[in-house]
Amino acid sequence: IGVALVTSGPGATNAITGIADAMGDSVPLLVFTGQVATRGIGKDAFQE
């Protein structure tokens, strides 16, 4: 398995191409994306 770690918001969206590529070619990946604190989820917090 390959493992990647990126931050929230643009960090996570910049990772989308690699995630989709892995899905297309059946590549085992574990991708950690950072996220805003739980109290800010769904509230358009900075970099959510």
All heavy atoms as atom14 arrays in JSON, in Angstrom:
{
  "sequence": "IGVALVTSGPGATNAITGIADAMGDSVPLLVFTGQVATRGIGKDAFQE",
  "atom14_mask": [
    [1, 1, 1, 1, 1, 1, 1, 1, 0, 0, 0, 0, 0, 0],
    [1, 1, 1, 1, 0, 0, 0, 0, 0, 0, 0, 0, 0, 0],
    [1, 1, 1, 1, 1, 1, 1, 0, 0, 0, 0, 0, 0, 0],
    [1, 1, 1, 1, 1, 0, 0, 0, 0, 0, 0, 0, 0, 0],
    [1, 1, 1, 1, 1, 1, 1, 1, 0, 0, 0, 0, 0, 0],
    [1, 1, 1, 1, 1, 1, 1, 0, 0, 0, 0, 0, 0, 0],
    [1, 1, 1, 1, 1, 1, 1, 0, 0, 0, 0, 0, 0, 0],
    [1, 1, 1, 1, 1, 1, 0, 0, 0, 0, 0, 0, 0, 0],
    [1, 1, 1, 1, 0, 0, 0, 0, 0, 0, 0, 0, 0, 0],
    [1, 1, 1, 1, 1, 1, 1, 0, 0, 0, 0, 0, 0, 0],
    [1, 1, 1, 1, 0, 0, 0, 0, 0, 0, 0, 0, 0, 0],
    [1, 1, 1, 1, 1, 0, 0, 0, 0, 0, 0, 0, 0, 0],
    [1, 1, 1, 1, 1, 1, 1, 0, 0, 0, 0, 0, 0, 0],
    [1, 1, 1, 1, 1, 1, 1, 1, 0, 0, 0, 0, 0, 0],
    [1, 1, 1, 1, 1, 0, 0, 0, 0, 0, 0, 0, 0, 0],
    [1, 1, 1, 1, 1, 1, 1, 1, 0, 0, 0, 0, 0, 0],
    [1, 1, 1, 1, 1, 1, 1, 0, 0, 0, 0, 0, 0, 0],
    [1, 1, 1, 1, 0, 0, 0, 0, 0, 0, 0, 0, 0, 0],
    [1, 1, 1, 1, 1, 1, 1, 1, 0, 0, 0, 0, 0, 0],
    [1, 1, 1, 1, 1, 0, 0, 0, 0, 0, 0, 0, 0, 0],
    [1, 1, 1, 1, 1, 1, 1, 1, 0, 0, 0, 0, 0, 0],
    [1, 1, 1, 1, 1, 0, 0, 0, 0, 0, 0, 0, 0, 0],
    [1, 1, 1, 1, 1, 1, 1, 1, 0, 0, 0, 0, 0, 0],
    [1, 1, 1, 1, 0, 0, 0, 0, 0, 0, 0, 0, 0, 0],
    [1, 1, 1, 1, 1, 1, 1, 1, 0, 0, 0, 0, 0, 0],
    [1, 1, 1, 1, 1, 1, 0, 0, 0, 0, 0, 0, 0, 0],
    [1, 1, 1, 1, 1, 1, 1, 0, 0, 0, 0, 0, 0, 0],
    [1, 1, 1, 1, 1, 1, 1, 0, 0, 0, 0, 0, 0, 0],
    [1, 1, 1, 1, 1, 1, 1, 1, 0, 0, 0, 0, 0, 0],
    [1, 1, 1, 1, 1, 1, 1, 1, 0, 0, 0, 0, 0, 0],
    [1, 1, 1, 1, 1, 1, 1, 0, 0, 0, 0, 0, 0, 0],
    [1, 1, 1, 1, 1, 1, 1, 1, 1, 1, 1, 0, 0, 0],
    [1, 1, 1, 1, 1, 1, 1, 0, 0, 0, 0, 0, 0, 0],
    [1, 1, 1, 1, 0, 0, 0, 0, 0, 0, 0, 0, 0, 0],
    [1, 1, 1, 1, 1, 1, 1, 1, 1, 0, 0, 0, 0, 0],
    [1, 1, 1, 1, 1, 1, 1, 0, 0, 0, 0, 0, 0, 0],
    [1, 1, 1, 1, 1, 0, 0, 0, 0, 0, 0, 0, 0, 0],
    [1, 1, 1, 1, 1, 1, 1, 0, 0, 0, 0, 0, 0, 0],
    [1, 1, 1, 1, 1, 1, 1, 1, 1, 1, 1, 0, 0, 0],
    [1, 1, 1, 1, 0, 0, 0, 0, 0, 0, 0, 0, 0, 0],
    [1, 1, 1, 1, 1, 1, 1, 1, 0, 0, 0, 0, 0, 0],
    [1, 1, 1, 1, 0, 0, 0, 0, 0, 0, 0, 0, 0, 0],
    [1, 1, 1, 1, 1, 1, 1, 1, 1, 0, 0, 0, 0, 0],
    [1, 1, 1, 1, 1, 1, 1, 1, 0, 0, 0, 0, 0, 0],
    [1, 1, 1, 1, 1, 0, 0, 0, 0, 0, 0, 0, 0, 0],
    [1, 1, 1, 1, 1, 1, 1, 1, 1, 1, 1, 0, 0, 0],
    [1, 1, 1, 1, 1, 1, 1, 1, 1, 0, 0, 0, 0, 0],
    [1, 1, 1, 1, 1, 1, 1, 1, 1, 0, 0, 0, 0, 0]
  ],
  "atom14_positions": [
    [[0.83, -1.2, 0.0], [0.0, 0.0, 0.0], [0.86, 1.25, 0.0], [1.9, 1.33, 0.66], [-0.97, 0.0, 1.2], [-2.04, 1.08, 1.03], [-0.22, 0.14, 2.53], [-3.21, 0.92, 1.98], [0.0, 0.0, 0.0], [0.0, 0.0, 0.0], [0.0, 0.0, 0.0], [0.0, 0.0, 0.0], [0.0, 0.0, 0.0], [0.0, 0.0, 0.0]],
    [[0.45, 2.25, -0.79], [1.08, 3.55, -0.79], [0.26, 4.5, 0.08], [-0.97, 4.43, 0.09], [0.0, 0.0, 0.0], [0.0, 0.0, 0.0], [0.0, 0.0, 0.0], [0.0, 0.0, 0.0], [0.0, 0.0, 0.0], [0.0, 0.0, 0.0], [0.0, 0.0, 0.0], [0.0, 0.0, 0.0], [0.0, 0.0, 0.0], [0.0, 0.0, 0.0]],
    [[0.94, 5.38, 0.8], [0.26, 6.26, 1.76], [0.62, 7.71, 1.49], [1.8, 8.04, 1.31], [0.61, 5.89, 3.21], [-0.15, 6.78, 4.19], [0.29, 4.42, 3.48], [0.0, 0.0, 0.0], [0.0, 0.0, 0.0], [0.0, 0.0, 0.0], [0.0, 0.0, 0.0], [0.0, 0.0, 0.0], [0.0, 0.0, 0.0], [0.0, 0.0, 0.0]],
    [[-0.4, 8.56, 1.46], [-0.2, 9.99, 1.25], [-0.93, 10.78, 2.33], [-1.97, 10.33, 2.85], [-0.69, 10.41, -0.13], [0.0, 0.0, 0.0], [0.0, 0.0, 0.0], [0.0, 0.0, 0.0], [0.0, 0.0, 0.0], [0.0, 0.0, 0.0], [0.0, 0.0, 0.0], [0.0, 0.0, 0.0], [0.0, 0.0, 0.0], [0.0, 0.0, 0.0]],
    [[-0.4, 11.95, 2.67], [-0.96, 12.81, 3.69], [-1.01, 14.23, 3.16], [0.03, 14.79, 2.78], [-0.09, 12.74, 4.96], [-0.35, 13.76, 6.07], [-1.75, 13.59, 6.65], [0.72, 13.61, 7.17], [0.0, 0.0, 0.0], [0.0, 0.0, 0.0], [0.0, 0.0, 0.0], [0.0, 0.0, 0.0], [0.0, 0.0, 0.0], [0.0, 0.0, 0.0]],
    [[-2.21, 14.82, 3.11], [-2.36, 16.18, 2.61], [-3.29, 16.95, 3.54], [-4.0, 16.35, 4.37], [-2.93, 16.21, 1.17], [-2.0, 15.49, 0.23], [-4.33, 15.6, 1.13], [0.0, 0.0, 0.0], [0.0, 0.0, 0.0], [0.0, 0.0, 0.0], [0.0, 0.0, 0.0], [0.0, 0.0, 0.0], [0.0, 0.0, 0.0], [0.0, 0.0, 0.0]],
    [[-3.29, 18.25, 3.42], [-4.11, 19.07, 4.29], [-5.52, 19.23, 3.72], [-5.88, 18.64, 2.69], [-3.43, 20.43, 4.54], [-4.08, 21.08, 5.64], [-3.49, 21.31, 3.3], [0.0, 0.0, 0.0], [0.0, 0.0, 0.0], [0.0, 0.0, 0.0], [0.0, 0.0, 0.0], [0.0, 0.0, 0.0], [0.0, 0.0, 0.0], [0.0, 0.0, 0.0]],
    [[-6.32, 20.04, 4.36], [-7.72, 20.21, 3.97], [-7.85, 21.14, 2.77], [-6.87, 21.69, 2.26], [-8.51, 20.8, 5.15], [-8.03, 22.11, 5.45], [0.0, 0.0, 0.0], [0.0, 0.0, 0.0], [0.0, 0.0, 0.0], [0.0, 0.0, 0.0], [0.0, 0.0, 0.0], [0.0, 0.0, 0.0], [0.0, 0.0, 0.0], [0.0, 0.0, 0.0]],
    [[-9.07, 21.32, 2.3], [-9.36, 22.28, 1.24], [-8.55, 22.05, 0.0], [-8.63, 20.97, -0.61], [0.0, 0.0, 0.0], [0.0, 0.0, 0.0], [0.0, 0.0, 0.0], [0.0, 0.0, 0.0], [0.0, 0.0, 0.0], [0.0, 0.0, 0.0], [0.0, 0.0, 0.0], [0.0, 0.0, 0.0], [0.0, 0.0, 0.0], [0.0, 0.0, 0.0]],
    [[-7.73, 23.04, -0.43], [-6.97, 22.88, -1.67], [-5.96, 21.75, -1.62], [-5.62, 21.17, -2.65], [-6.28, 24.24, -1.84], [-6.25, 24.82, -0.46], [-7.49, 24.34, 0.21], [0.0, 0.0, 0.0], [0.0, 0.0, 0.0], [0.0, 0.0, 0.0], [0.0, 0.0, 0.0], [0.0, 0.0, 0.0], [0.0, 0.0, 0.0], [0.0, 0.0, 0.0]],
    [[-5.45, 21.44, -0.44], [-4.54, 20.29, -0.33], [-5.25, 19.02, -0.73], [-4.71, 18.19, -1.48], [0.0, 0.0, 0.0], [0.0, 0.0, 0.0], [0.0, 0.0, 0.0], [0.0, 0.0, 0.0], [0.0, 0.0, 0.0], [0.0, 0.0, 0.0], [0.0, 0.0, 0.0], [0.0, 0.0, 0.0], [0.0, 0.0, 0.0], [0.0, 0.0, 0.0]],
    [[-6.47, 18.85, -0.24], [-7.24, 17.65, -0.57], [-7.68, 17.66, -2.02], [-7.62, 16.63, -2.7], [-8.45, 17.54, 0.36], [0.0, 0.0, 0.0], [0.0, 0.0, 0.0], [0.0, 0.0, 0.0], [0.0, 0.0, 0.0], [0.0, 0.0, 0.0], [0.0, 0.0, 0.0], [0.0, 0.0, 0.0], [0.0, 0.0, 0.0], [0.0, 0.0, 0.0]],
    [[-8.13, 18.82, -2.52], [-8.59, 18.84, -3.92], [-7.42, 18.67, -4.89], [-7.6, 18.12, -5.97], [-9.38, 20.12, -4.23], [-8.57, 21.27, -3.94], [-10.66, 20.19, -3.42], [0.0, 0.0, 0.0], [0.0, 0.0, 0.0], [0.0, 0.0, 0.0], [0.0, 0.0, 0.0], [0.0, 0.0, 0.0], [0.0, 0.0, 0.0], [0.0, 0.0, 0.0]],
    [[-6.22, 19.12, -4.52], [-5.06, 18.87, -5.37], [-4.71, 17.38, -5.45], [-4.02, 16.97, -6.38], [-3.83, 19.63, -4.84], [-3.83, 21.09, -5.22], [-4.59, 21.52, -6.08], [-2.98, 21.87, -4.57], [0.0, 0.0, 0.0], [0.0, 0.0, 0.0], [0.0, 0.0, 0.0], [0.0, 0.0, 0.0], [0.0, 0.0, 0.0], [0.0, 0.0, 0.0]],
    [[-5.18, 16.62, -4.5], [-4.91, 15.18, -4.49], [-5.9, 14.38, -5.32], [-5.7, 13.18, -5.53], [-4.93, 14.66, -3.05], [0.0, 0.0, 0.0], [0.0, 0.0, 0.0], [0.0, 0.0, 0.0], [0.0, 0.0, 0.0], [0.0, 0.0, 0.0], [0.0, 0.0, 0.0], [0.0, 0.0, 0.0], [0.0, 0.0, 0.0], [0.0, 0.0, 0.0]],
    [[-6.95, 15.02, -5.8], [-8.03, 14.31, -6.49], [-7.53, 13.55, -7.72], [-7.91, 12.4, -7.96], [-9.16, 15.28, -6.89], [-9.83, 15.87, -5.65], [-10.19, 14.58, -7.77], [-10.42, 14.85, -4.71], [0.0, 0.0, 0.0], [0.0, 0.0, 0.0], [0.0, 0.0, 0.0], [0.0, 0.0, 0.0], [0.0, 0.0, 0.0], [0.0, 0.0, 0.0]],
    [[-6.66, 14.17, -8.51], [-6.18, 13.51, -9.73], [-5.49, 12.2, -9.4], [-5.72, 11.18, -10.06], [-5.23, 14.44, -10.5], [-5.96, 15.6, -10.92], [-4.66, 13.75, -11.72], [0.0, 0.0, 0.0], [0.0, 0.0, 0.0], [0.0, 0.0, 0.0], [0.0, 0.0, 0.0], [0.0, 0.0, 0.0], [0.0, 0.0, 0.0], [0.0, 0.0, 0.0]],
    [[-4.65, 12.2, -8.37], [-3.97, 10.97, -7.99], [-4.91, 9.91, -7.46], [-4.73, 8.71, -7.72], [0.0, 0.0, 0.0], [0.0, 0.0, 0.0], [0.0, 0.0, 0.0], [0.0, 0.0, 0.0], [0.0, 0.0, 0.0], [0.0, 0.0, 0.0], [0.0, 0.0, 0.0], [0.0, 0.0, 0.0], [0.0, 0.0, 0.0], [0.0, 0.0, 0.0]],
    [[-5.92, 10.34, -6.72], [-6.9, 9.38, -6.2], [-7.67, 8.74, -7.35], [-7.86, 7.52, -7.4], [-7.87, 10.08, -5.2], [-7.11, 10.56, -3.96], [-8.99, 9.14, -4.79], [-7.93, 11.48, -3.06], [0.0, 0.0, 0.0], [0.0, 0.0, 0.0], [0.0, 0.0, 0.0], [0.0, 0.0, 0.0], [0.0, 0.0, 0.0], [0.0, 0.0, 0.0]],
    [[-8.11, 9.57, -8.29], [-8.86, 9.04, -9.44], [-7.98, 8.14, -10.29], [-8.45, 7.1, -10.79], [-9.4, 10.2, -10.29], [0.0, 0.0, 0.0], [0.0, 0.0, 0.0], [0.0, 0.0, 0.0], [0.0, 0.0, 0.0], [0.0, 0.0, 0.0], [0.0, 0.0, 0.0], [0.0, 0.0, 0.0], [0.0, 0.0, 0.0], [0.0, 0.0, 0.0]],
    [[-6.71, 8.48, -10.44], [-5.8, 7.65, -11.2], [-5.65, 6.28, -10.53], [-5.67, 5.25, -11.2], [-4.43, 8.34, -11.29], [-3.5, 7.64, -12.26], [-3.52, 8.0, -13.44], [-2.75, 6.73, -11.83], [0.0, 0.0, 0.0], [0.0, 0.0, 0.0], [0.0, 0.0, 0.0], [0.0, 0.0, 0.0], [0.0, 0.0, 0.0], [0.0, 0.0, 0.0]],
    [[-5.53, 6.27, -9.22], [-5.4, 5.01, -8.49], [-6.66, 4.17, -8.6], [-6.59, 2.94, -8.7], [-5.08, 5.29, -7.02], [0.0, 0.0, 0.0], [0.0, 0.0, 0.0], [0.0, 0.0, 0.0], [0.0, 0.0, 0.0], [0.0, 0.0, 0.0], [0.0, 0.0, 0.0], [0.0, 0.0, 0.0], [0.0, 0.0, 0.0], [0.0, 0.0, 0.0]],
    [[-7.81, 4.81, -8.59], [-9.06, 4.08, -8.74], [-9.13, 3.42, -10.11], [-9.53, 2.25, -10.25], [-10.25, 5.03, -8.54], [-11.6, 4.33, -8.47], [-11.76, 3.31, -6.98], [-13.48, 2.79, -7.15], [0.0, 0.0, 0.0], [0.0, 0.0, 0.0], [0.0, 0.0, 0.0], [0.0, 0.0, 0.0], [0.0, 0.0, 0.0], [0.0, 0.0, 0.0]],
    [[-8.73, 4.16, -11.14], [-8.8, 3.62, -12.48], [-7.89, 2.43, -12.7], [-8.22, 1.52, -13.47], [0.0, 0.0, 0.0], [0.0, 0.0, 0.0], [0.0, 0.0, 0.0], [0.0, 0.0, 0.0], [0.0, 0.0, 0.0], [0.0, 0.0, 0.0], [0.0, 0.0, 0.0], [0.0, 0.0, 0.0], [0.0, 0.0, 0.0], [0.0, 0.0, 0.0]],
    [[-6.74, 2.42, -12.02], [-5.75, 1.35, -12.21], [-5.69, 0.36, -11.06], [-4.75, -0.43, -10.97], [-4.37, 1.96, -12.45], [-4.21, 2.55, -13.84], [-5.15, 2.41, -14.65], [-3.16, 3.15, -14.11], [0.0, 0.0, 0.0], [0.0, 0.0, 0.0], [0.0, 0.0, 0.0], [0.0, 0.0, 0.0], [0.0, 0.0, 0.0], [0.0, 0.0, 0.0]],
    [[-6.65, 0.41, -10.15], [-6.73, -0.56, -9.04], [-5.46, -0.54, -8.2], [-4.83, -1.58, -7.95], [-6.99, -1.97, -9.57], [-8.14, -2.0, -10.37], [0.0, 0.0, 0.0], [0.0, 0.0, 0.0], [0.0, 0.0, 0.0], [0.0, 0.0, 0.0], [0.0, 0.0, 0.0], [0.0, 0.0, 0.0], [0.0, 0.0, 0.0], [0.0, 0.0, 0.0]],
    [[-5.07, 0.65, -7.74], [-3.84, 0.82, -6.95], [-4.22, 0.95, -5.47], [-5.03, 1.8, -5.12], [-3.07, 2.07, -7.41], [-1.77, 2.2, -6.64], [-2.82, 2.02, -8.9], [0.0, 0.0, 0.0], [0.0, 0.0, 0.0], [0.0, 0.0, 0.0], [0.0, 0.0, 0.0], [0.0, 0.0, 0.0], [0.0, 0.0, 0.0], [0.0, 0.0, 0.0]],
    [[-3.61, 0.14, -4.6], [-3.93, 0.25, -3.17], [-3.29, 1.48, -2.54], [-2.08, 1.56, -2.39], [-3.34, -1.04, -2.58], [-2.22, -1.4, -3.5], [-2.64, -0.95, -4.86], [0.0, 0.0, 0.0], [0.0, 0.0, 0.0], [0.0, 0.0, 0.0], [0.0, 0.0, 0.0], [0.0, 0.0, 0.0], [0.0, 0.0, 0.0], [0.0, 0.0, 0.0]],
    [[-4.12, 2.46, -2.22], [-3.65, 3.7, -1.59], [-4.42, 3.97, -0.31], [-5.62, 3.67, -0.23], [-3.83, 4.91, -2.5], [-2.96, 5.11, -3.74], [-3.16, 6.52, -4.28], [-1.51, 4.84, -3.46], [0.0, 0.0, 0.0], [0.0, 0.0, 0.0], [0.0, 0.0, 0.0], [0.0, 0.0, 0.0], [0.0, 0.0, 0.0], [0.0, 0.0, 0.0]],
    [[-3.75, 4.56, 0.66], [-4.39, 5.12, 1.84], [-4.08, 6.6, 1.84], [-2.9, 7.0, 1.87], [-3.86, 4.46, 3.12], [-4.4, 4.98, 4.44], [-5.92, 4.81, 4.52], [-3.73, 4.29, 5.62], [0.0, 0.0, 0.0], [0.0, 0.0, 0.0], [0.0, 0.0, 0.0], [0.0, 0.0, 0.0], [0.0, 0.0, 0.0], [0.0, 0.0, 0.0]],
    [[-5.1, 7.43, 1.75], [-4.92, 8.87, 1.63], [-5.55, 9.56, 2.82], [-6.77, 9.48, 3.03], [-5.54, 9.4, 0.32], [-5.27, 10.9, 0.18], [-5.01, 8.64, -0.88], [0.0, 0.0, 0.0], [0.0, 0.0, 0.0], [0.0, 0.0, 0.0], [0.0, 0.0, 0.0], [0.0, 0.0, 0.0], [0.0, 0.0, 0.0], [0.0, 0.0, 0.0]],
    [[-4.71, 10.21, 3.63], [-5.21, 11.01, 4.75], [-5.39, 12.44, 4.26], [-4.45, 13.06, 3.76], [-4.21, 11.01, 5.91], [-4.09, 9.7, 6.63], [-3.1, 8.8, 6.28], [-4.96, 9.37, 7.65], [-2.97, 7.59, 6.94], [-4.85, 8.16, 8.32], [-3.85, 7.26, 7.96], [0.0, 0.0, 0.0], [0.0, 0.0, 0.0], [0.0, 0.0, 0.0]],
    [[-6.6, 12.96, 4.4], [-6.85, 14.36, 4.1], [-7.17, 15.07, 5.4], [-8.0, 14.61, 6.2], [-8.02, 14.54, 3.13], [-9.2, 13.92, 3.67], [-7.71, 13.89, 1.79], [0.0, 0.0, 0.0], [0.0, 0.0, 0.0], [0.0, 0.0, 0.0], [0.0, 0.0, 0.0], [0.0, 0.0, 0.0], [0.0, 0.0, 0.0], [0.0, 0.0, 0.0]],
    [[-6.51, 16.19, 5.64], [-6.85, 16.98, 6.8], [-8.24, 17.6, 6.62], [-8.72, 17.77, 5.5], [0.0, 0.0, 0.0], [0.0, 0.0, 0.0], [0.0, 0.0, 0.0], [0.0, 0.0, 0.0], [0.0, 0.0, 0.0], [0.0, 0.0, 0.0], [0.0, 0.0, 0.0], [0.0, 0.0, 0.0], [0.0, 0.0, 0.0], [0.0, 0.0, 0.0]],
    [[-8.86, 17.89, 7.74], [-10.18, 18.53, 7.68], [-10.26, 19.56, 8.8], [-9.55, 19.45, 9.82], [-11.29, 17.48, 7.84], [-12.71, 17.99, 7.66], [-12.9, 18.75, 6.35], [-12.62, 19.95, 6.29], [-13.35, 18.05, 5.31], [0.0, 0.0, 0.0], [0.0, 0.0, 0.0], [0.0, 0.0, 0.0], [0.0, 0.0, 0.0], [0.0, 0.0, 0.0]],
    [[-11.1, 20.56, 8.6], [-11.29, 21.57, 9.65], [-11.85, 20.88, 10.89], [-12.33, 19.74, 10.84], [-12.23, 22.69, 9.17], [-11.67, 23.35, 7.92], [-13.64, 22.16, 8.91], [0.0, 0.0, 0.0], [0.0, 0.0, 0.0], [0.0, 0.0, 0.0], [0.0, 0.0, 0.0], [0.0, 0.0, 0.0], [0.0, 0.0, 0.0], [0.0, 0.0, 0.0]],
    [[-11.77, 21.56, 12.01], [-12.28, 20.99, 13.26], [-13.76, 20.65, 13.11], [-14.49, 21.29, 12.34], [-12.07, 21.97, 14.41], [0.0, 0.0, 0.0], [0.0, 0.0, 0.0], [0.0, 0.0, 0.0], [0.0, 0.0, 0.0], [0.0, 0.0, 0.0], [0.0, 0.0, 0.0], [0.0, 0.0, 0.0], [0.0, 0.0, 0.0], [0.0, 0.0, 0.0]],
    [[-14.21, 19.66, 13.85], [-15.58, 19.17, 13.7], [-16.63, 20.27, 13.88], [-17.67, 20.25, 13.21], [-15.85, 18.02, 14.69], [-15.51, 18.45, 16.01], [-15.04, 16.79, 14.33], [0.0, 0.0, 0.0], [0.0, 0.0, 0.0], [0.0, 0.0, 0.0], [0.0, 0.0, 0.0], [0.0, 0.0, 0.0], [0.0, 0.0, 0.0], [0.0, 0.0, 0.0]],
    [[-16.34, 21.22, 14.75], [-17.31, 22.3, 14.98], [-17.48, 23.2, 13.75], [-18.47, 23.92, 13.62], [-16.89, 23.13, 16.18], [-15.56, 23.84, 15.99], [-15.14, 24.6, 17.25], [-13.83, 25.22, 17.09], [-12.66, 24.61, 17.26], [-12.65, 23.33, 17.61], [-11.52, 25.25, 17.1], [0.0, 0.0, 0.0], [0.0, 0.0, 0.0], [0.0, 0.0, 0.0]],
    [[-16.5, 23.14, 12.82], [-16.57, 23.99, 11.64], [-17.06, 23.28, 10.39], [-17.31, 23.92, 9.36], [0.0, 0.0, 0.0], [0.0, 0.0, 0.0], [0.0, 0.0, 0.0], [0.0, 0.0, 0.0], [0.0, 0.0, 0.0], [0.0, 0.0, 0.0], [0.0, 0.0, 0.0], [0.0, 0.0, 0.0], [0.0, 0.0, 0.0], [0.0, 0.0, 0.0]],
    [[-17.22, 21.96, 10.49], [-17.62, 21.2, 9.31], [-19.05, 21.59, 8.89], [-19.96, 21.65, 9.71], [-17.53, 19.69, 9.59], [-16.07, 19.27, 9.77], [-18.16, 18.88, 8.44], [-15.87, 17.83, 10.16], [0.0, 0.0, 0.0], [0.0, 0.0, 0.0], [0.0, 0.0, 0.0], [0.0, 0.0, 0.0], [0.0, 0.0, 0.0], [0.0, 0.0, 0.0]],
    [[-19.21, 21.88, 7.62], [-20.51, 22.28, 7.1], [-20.81, 23.75, 7.24], [-21.91, 24.2, 6.9], [0.0, 0.0, 0.0], [0.0, 0.0, 0.0], [0.0, 0.0, 0.0], [0.0, 0.0, 0.0], [0.0, 0.0, 0.0], [0.0, 0.0, 0.0], [0.0, 0.0, 0.0], [0.0, 0.0, 0.0], [0.0, 0.0, 0.0], [0.0, 0.0, 0.0]],
    [[-19.82, 24.53, 7.71], [-20.04, 25.96, 7.94], [-19.13, 26.83, 7.07], [-18.93, 28.0, 7.37], [-19.83, 26.29, 9.42], [-20.8, 25.55, 10.33], [-20.55, 25.83, 11.8], [-21.52, 25.03, 12.68], [-21.25, 25.24, 14.12], [0.0, 0.0, 0.0], [0.0, 0.0, 0.0], [0.0, 0.0, 0.0], [0.0, 0.0, 0.0], [0.0, 0.0, 0.0]],
    [[-18.59, 26.23, 6.02], [-17.7, 26.96, 5.11], [-16.52, 27.57, 5.85], [-16.12, 28.72, 5.6], [-18.45, 28.05, 4.34], [-19.5, 27.47, 3.42], [-19.25, 26.38, 2.87], [-20.55, 28.1, 3.24], [0.0, 0.0, 0.0], [0.0, 0.0, 0.0], [0.0, 0.0, 0.0], [0.0, 0.0, 0.0], [0.0, 0.0, 0.0], [0.0, 0.0, 0.0]],
    [[-15.95, 26.81, 6.77], [-14.78, 27.27, 7.5], [-13.6, 27.42, 6.55], [-13.61, 26.88, 5.43], [-14.44, 26.27, 8.61], [0.0, 0.0, 0.0], [0.0, 0.0, 0.0], [0.0, 0.0, 0.0], [0.0, 0.0, 0.0], [0.0, 0.0, 0.0], [0.0, 0.0, 0.0], [0.0, 0.0, 0.0], [0.0, 0.0, 0.0], [0.0, 0.0, 0.0]],
    [[-12.57, 28.13, 6.99], [-11.4, 28.36, 6.16], [-10.78, 27.03, 5.72], [-10.53, 26.15, 6.53], [-10.36, 29.19, 6.94], [-9.08, 29.42, 6.19], [-9.05, 30.21, 5.04], [-7.9, 28.82, 6.62], [-7.87, 30.41, 4.36], [-6.71, 29.02, 5.94], [-6.69, 29.82, 4.8], [0.0, 0.0, 0.0], [0.0, 0.0, 0.0], [0.0, 0.0, 0.0]],
    [[-10.57, 26.89, 4.43], [-10.0, 25.69, 3.82], [-10.83, 24.44, 4.11], [-10.29, 23.34, 4.25], [-8.54, 25.48, 4.24], [-7.61, 26.53, 3.65], [-6.15, 26.21, 3.8], [-5.75, 25.51, 4.72], [-5.33, 26.72, 2.89], [0.0, 0.0, 0.0], [0.0, 0.0, 0.0], [0.0, 0.0, 0.0], [0.0, 0.0, 0.0], [0.0, 0.0, 0.0]],
    [[-12.14, 24.6, 4.13], [-13.0, 23.43, 4.24], [-13.44, 22.99, 2.84], [-13.77, 23.81, 1.99], [-14.26, 23.73, 5.06], [-15.16, 22.5, 5.18], [-16.54, 22.8, 5.77], [-16.83, 23.98, 6.04], [-17.32, 21.84, 5.94], [0.0, 0.0, 0.0], [0.0, 0.0, 0.0], [0.0, 0.0, 0.0], [0.0, 0.0, 0.0], [0.0, 0.0, 0.0]]
  ]
}
